[in-house]
Amino acid sequence: MSKLLVRVVLPLVAGGALLAGCTTTQEGTASPAQSPSASEPSSPESSSSGGGGTQSITDACSLLEMSDLSSYGKFHDPVKQTIGGARSCSYRQEIASASDDSKVIGVGIRDTASVAQVNDNGGGVVDKDINGRKAKEAPGDATLPACTLAIPVGDASRVDVSLTGADSAEEACQIAEAVAKAAVEPRLPKG
C-alpha cells in the first residue's frame, strides 16, 4: 500500500498543489497594457549592440538600396522573401553573358537570433567591428565563394549582410563588410 501511495497518490497531490498555486484570479476588467508615452524615459539599451531589437525594421529593403551597390555593377530590382525565418531583401547582379558569374547581395533580418548563433559557412566565424558594433563574420571556404556578416541589433536579434557569387570568400567578405559599414549599419536602430 505504501508503494501505491508513493507512485500514484503523491504525484497527483503534488501536481494538484502546483496547479492550484498557478491559478489565482483577480477581480476587475481586462485591458491592454499601456505603452510608454514619448515623455516617459525608456529603459537604457546597450550601446555596444545598438538598439533594442529588429522589430522596428519593417522592410528589409529599407536597409540596402540599389544606389548603395552602384560601385559593384548593375543589379536587378530587389526581391523580398522570407528565408529560414529571416525577412530578407536581395539584389542579383546583371550579367553580360551566360558565362559570367552573378553576385547576389542581400540583407536578412533575424528577429530571434543573436550574432552568437551565426553558422560557420566553412571558413570559421571571426569577430568584426562594424562602426562600433561587435559583429561576426562567417566566410565560406574554397568551394563556397560567399560570406555572411552578422550585425547585432539589441541582445537577441541581428541583421545579416551576405554575398554569394564572388571570385573568392575573401572578396565576398570584403564587399559584404564595405556595404555593411557604408549602407546597412547606419540605417539600423541605435541605442
Protein backbone atom coordinates (compact mmCIF):
# COMPACT_ATOMS: atom_id res chain seq x y z
CA MET A 1 0.00 0.00 0.00
CA SER A 2 2.82 2.43 0.79
CA LYS A 3 4.33 1.88 -2.69
CA LEU A 4 0.94 2.67 -4.23
CA LEU A 5 0.80 5.87 -2.20
CA VAL A 6 4.26 6.95 -3.41
CA ARG A 7 3.68 6.04 -7.08
CA VAL A 8 0.13 7.22 -7.64
CA VAL A 9 -1.33 9.38 -4.93
CA LEU A 10 1.69 11.55 -4.05
CA PRO A 11 2.32 12.77 -7.64
CA LEU A 12 -1.38 13.58 -8.02
CA VAL A 13 -1.41 15.59 -4.79
CA ALA A 14 1.84 17.40 -5.70
CA GLY A 15 0.58 18.17 -9.21
CA GLY A 16 -2.71 19.48 -7.83
CA ALA A 17 -0.85 21.74 -5.39
CA LEU A 18 1.31 23.13 -8.21
CA LEU A 19 -1.69 23.84 -10.39
CA ALA A 20 -3.57 25.47 -7.55
CA GLY A 21 -0.61 27.79 -6.99
CA CYS A 22 -0.75 28.90 -10.63
CA THR A 23 -4.46 29.59 -10.87
CA THR A 24 -5.17 32.75 -8.97
CA THR A 25 -8.00 35.03 -10.01
CA GLN A 26 -8.11 38.76 -9.85
CA GLU A 27 -11.23 40.87 -9.98
CA GLY A 28 -11.51 43.72 -12.45
CA THR A 29 -11.74 44.38 -16.17
CA ALA A 30 -9.02 43.23 -18.55
CA SER A 31 -7.42 45.95 -20.64
CA PRO A 32 -4.29 46.11 -22.82
CA ALA A 33 -1.05 47.29 -21.28
CA GLN A 34 -0.28 50.94 -21.79
CA SER A 35 2.74 51.72 -23.93
CA PRO A 36 5.12 54.34 -22.56
CA SER A 37 4.48 57.85 -23.79
CA ALA A 38 7.13 59.84 -25.59
CA SER A 39 7.80 61.88 -22.45
CA GLU A 40 8.48 58.82 -20.28
CA PRO A 41 12.08 57.63 -20.27
CA SER A 42 12.63 54.26 -21.84
CA SER A 43 14.94 51.63 -20.48
CA PRO A 44 18.58 52.08 -21.44
CA GLU A 45 19.92 49.91 -24.24
CA SER A 46 23.38 48.54 -24.68
CA SER A 47 25.42 50.97 -26.74
CA SER A 48 27.73 48.22 -27.99
CA SER A 49 24.90 46.40 -29.73
CA GLY A 50 22.86 49.44 -30.67
CA GLY A 51 19.13 49.38 -30.19
CA GLY A 52 16.61 47.15 -28.59
CA GLY A 53 15.98 44.81 -31.50
CA THR A 54 14.94 44.44 -35.09
CA GLN A 55 11.15 44.59 -34.60
CA SER A 56 11.10 48.27 -35.60
CA ILE A 57 12.57 47.44 -39.03
CA THR A 58 9.51 46.81 -41.17
CA ASP A 59 11.16 46.41 -44.58
CA ALA A 60 14.49 44.65 -45.21
CA CYS A 61 14.88 46.62 -48.45
CA SER A 62 15.00 49.84 -46.42
CA LEU A 63 18.44 48.74 -45.20
CA LEU A 64 20.03 48.35 -48.64
CA GLU A 65 19.19 50.30 -51.77
CA MET A 66 20.19 49.86 -55.39
CA SER A 67 22.29 53.05 -55.25
CA ASP A 68 24.38 51.52 -52.43
CA LEU A 69 25.57 48.84 -54.85
CA SER A 70 26.45 51.01 -57.88
CA SER A 71 30.23 50.59 -57.44
CA TYR A 72 29.82 46.79 -57.71
CA GLY A 73 27.98 46.76 -61.03
CA LYS A 74 24.39 46.93 -62.18
CA PHE A 75 21.78 44.95 -60.22
CA HIS A 76 18.23 43.77 -60.86
CA ASP A 77 15.38 45.12 -58.73
CA PRO A 78 15.32 43.70 -55.20
CA VAL A 79 13.50 40.52 -54.28
CA LYS A 80 11.77 40.36 -50.87
CA GLN A 81 11.21 36.99 -49.27
CA THR A 82 11.44 35.05 -46.03
CA ILE A 83 14.34 32.60 -45.93
CA GLY A 84 14.99 30.40 -42.90
CA GLY A 85 12.95 32.68 -40.66
CA ALA A 86 14.75 35.83 -41.83
CA ARG A 87 12.94 38.68 -43.56
CA SER A 88 15.25 39.34 -46.49
CA CYS A 89 15.91 41.57 -49.44
CA SER A 90 18.37 40.52 -52.13
CA TYR A 91 19.81 42.01 -55.29
CA ARG A 92 21.16 39.89 -58.16
CA GLN A 93 23.86 41.41 -60.33
CA GLU A 94 23.06 41.78 -64.03
CA ILE A 95 25.47 39.83 -66.26
CA ALA A 96 26.66 40.45 -69.81
CA SER A 97 26.74 36.79 -70.89
CA ALA A 98 25.66 33.40 -69.61
CA SER A 99 29.27 32.50 -68.80
CA ASP A 100 29.64 35.40 -66.32
CA ASP A 101 29.20 34.87 -62.61
CA SER A 102 26.49 36.89 -60.92
CA LYS A 103 26.89 38.22 -57.40
CA VAL A 104 23.88 38.22 -55.10
CA ILE A 105 23.99 40.57 -52.16
CA GLY A 106 21.32 40.90 -49.56
CA VAL A 107 20.24 41.61 -46.03
CA GLY A 108 18.35 39.32 -43.70
CA ILE A 109 16.60 40.50 -40.55
CA ARG A 110 16.70 37.85 -37.82
CA ASP A 111 14.36 38.90 -35.01
CA THR A 112 15.19 35.97 -32.73
CA ALA A 113 18.84 35.11 -33.45
CA SER A 114 21.88 36.79 -31.94
CA VAL A 115 25.33 37.14 -33.50
CA ALA A 116 26.46 34.30 -31.22
CA GLN A 117 24.25 31.98 -33.31
CA VAL A 118 25.95 32.65 -36.67
CA ASN A 119 26.57 29.44 -38.61
CA ASP A 120 30.06 28.53 -39.83
CA ASN A 121 29.99 28.55 -43.65
CA GLY A 122 33.22 26.54 -43.87
CA GLY A 123 35.78 29.26 -43.15
CA GLY A 124 35.14 29.68 -39.41
CA VAL A 125 33.46 32.57 -37.59
CA VAL A 126 35.53 35.65 -36.75
CA ASP A 127 34.88 38.80 -34.74
CA LYS A 128 34.48 42.07 -36.64
CA ASP A 129 33.85 45.68 -35.70
CA ILE A 130 31.22 47.34 -37.87
CA ASN A 131 31.04 51.03 -36.98
CA GLY A 132 31.40 50.19 -33.27
CA ARG A 133 29.12 47.14 -33.22
CA LYS A 134 30.62 43.78 -32.27
CA ALA A 135 29.73 41.75 -35.34
CA LYS A 136 30.57 38.22 -36.53
CA GLU A 137 31.77 37.24 -39.99
CA ALA A 138 31.33 33.76 -41.48
CA PRO A 139 33.28 33.36 -44.72
CA GLY A 140 32.82 30.39 -46.98
CA ASP A 141 35.67 28.05 -47.81
CA ALA A 142 37.48 27.30 -51.10
CA THR A 143 34.36 25.63 -52.53
CA LEU A 144 31.93 28.35 -51.37
CA PRO A 145 32.82 31.89 -52.51
CA ALA A 146 30.41 33.55 -50.08
CA CYS A 147 30.30 35.48 -46.84
CA THR A 148 27.78 36.38 -44.12
CA LEU A 149 28.36 39.33 -41.82
CA ALA A 150 26.05 39.41 -38.77
CA ILE A 151 25.48 42.81 -37.12
CA PRO A 152 23.87 42.86 -33.65
CA VAL A 153 20.70 44.86 -33.10
CA GLY A 154 19.96 44.55 -29.40
CA ASP A 155 20.96 41.48 -27.44
CA ALA A 156 18.89 38.83 -29.19
CA SER A 157 18.49 39.91 -32.82
CA ARG A 158 20.70 40.73 -35.77
CA VAL A 159 20.87 41.80 -39.38
CA ASP A 160 22.94 39.70 -41.79
CA VAL A 161 24.67 41.14 -44.83
CA SER A 162 25.50 38.32 -47.21
CA LEU A 163 27.18 37.96 -50.56
CA THR A 164 27.43 34.94 -52.86
CA GLY A 165 28.91 34.53 -56.32
CA ALA A 166 32.20 36.36 -55.74
CA ASP A 167 35.51 35.06 -57.09
CA SER A 168 36.52 34.03 -53.55
CA ALA A 169 35.23 34.04 -49.98
CA GLU A 170 37.79 36.75 -49.21
CA GLU A 171 36.35 39.02 -51.93
CA ALA A 172 32.81 38.24 -50.74
CA CYS A 173 33.70 39.29 -47.17
CA GLN A 174 35.43 42.48 -48.35
CA ILE A 175 32.32 43.56 -50.27
CA ALA A 176 29.91 42.50 -47.50
CA GLU A 177 31.91 44.45 -44.92
CA ALA A 178 32.13 47.56 -47.11
CA VAL A 179 28.37 47.50 -47.78
CA ALA A 180 27.63 46.88 -44.09
CA LYS A 181 29.77 49.82 -42.95
CA ALA A 182 28.64 52.31 -45.60
CA ALA A 183 24.97 51.44 -46.07
CA VAL A 184 23.38 48.90 -43.74
CA GLU A 185 24.72 49.65 -40.25
CA PRO A 186 23.99 53.41 -40.42
CA ARG A 187 20.30 52.55 -41.07
CA LEU A 188 19.96 50.20 -38.09
CA PRO A 189 18.22 51.27 -34.86
CA LYS A 190 20.62 52.98 -32.44
CA GLY A 191 20.68 52.52 -28.71
